Amino acid sequence: MGNQKKIIHIDMDCFYAAIEMRDFPEYQNIPLAVGGDGPRSVLCTSNYQARQFGVRSAMPAIKAKQLCPHLKIVHGRMDVYKETSIQIREIFSRYTDLIEPLSLDEAYLDVTDATMCQGSATLIAQKIRADIYNELNLTASAGIAPNKFLAKIASDENKPNGQCVITPDKVANFVEQLSLKKIPGIGPKTFEKLNRHGYATCADVRESNIRALQNIVGKFANSLYLKSHGVDNRDLEVSRQRKSLAIETTLARDISSQDECKLVIDSLYKKLLTRLAPHSNREIIRQGVKLKFTDFNQTTVETQSNECQQALFVSLLSKAYSRANKRNIRLVGLTLGFADSPDESQQLLLSL
């Protein structure tokens, strides 16, 4: 792509519902929505089985039940969704530091200068999606394009669990046929308004001019005109430096002894060192071990530390495991905390 940008937009597939189906297999083959089921409740999201009945996010639960009488509505577990989102972001950070999270379940990645996968944005997107599936048992869709606007639209093209690449030479053709309702920022009312004035696709906008568009969409005219030509010069709004590094594994079968947990930690520790390598300039201030039990409750034990020590993880494991109370273990995780600034590192070391 020469000096062209390579932007990936990753969008998780029905994220909240997918996590519920993963954690509770009895939900897998039924229409499912996440949200409240009270008289005034609205849905956060729904799975693809429910969407076939017309059930949508932000829809009142009552209406959803009318469309799909056997819809199962479950209350959201925001702490689990946030935790999973952090794990997904950790996967992104293996490939690039230029990440702009849009929400818990979607983000832009700039991989223009990435060296992994021979610098191929298409292969990087495939690899990220495979990592998410193999490690978290969730699917994601991706759009790959020279800018944010096109990458976001492309990620929707082959949902669920697919990806779409718009190479620079395909931009003009792709955008020309694009319906204006697919452009972020154009809601149903604005689309209707544009329609009334004879604009339905980007090709229609191209034949017009900014002044004519201003009469219909006001300040959005300039952006709309550029987008209809496939132009979007926005850079990623990159999130602040990461505060921690975590690695964990949900076990294929539950384990029931501290020795088994230690074996898992030995294997995770090696992977953690590999992931730590790109962050060698950061100062470590904390280490932690996380265990999740068969009843889905979890515990984390942390302590101050200024280097990544395997022996310290093992001693933290003893304390975490003492809280098992005869419950088996379904997940083991290791975390490292970084200093925000040299000052914080100094303060902590002084108190050690």
Foldseek 3Di string as FASTA:
>chain_A
DVQFWKKKKKFFAQQQLQLVCVLPVVSVPAWEFEWDQDQAIFTQAIHPNLVVLVRGGRHGNVVSCVSPVPYHYHYTDVVVLQVLLVVLVLLLVVFDQFWFDPDSGMIMDTQCPTPPPNSDSVVSVVVSQVCCCVFVVTGMFMEIERDDQRGVLQSPPDPDRYGGYQYPVNQQVVQQAAFPCSGPPQDPVLCVQVVVVPHTGLVVLQVDDLVVVCVRVNPCSVVSVCVSRVDDPDGRPGDDDDFKRKDKHFDPDWAFDLVVLLVVLVVVLVVSVVSCVVVVVWWWFKKKKKWAFPVRDIDMDMDTDGDSDSVVHSVRSVVRVVPCVRTTTRMMMMMIGTDSDVVSVVVSVVVD
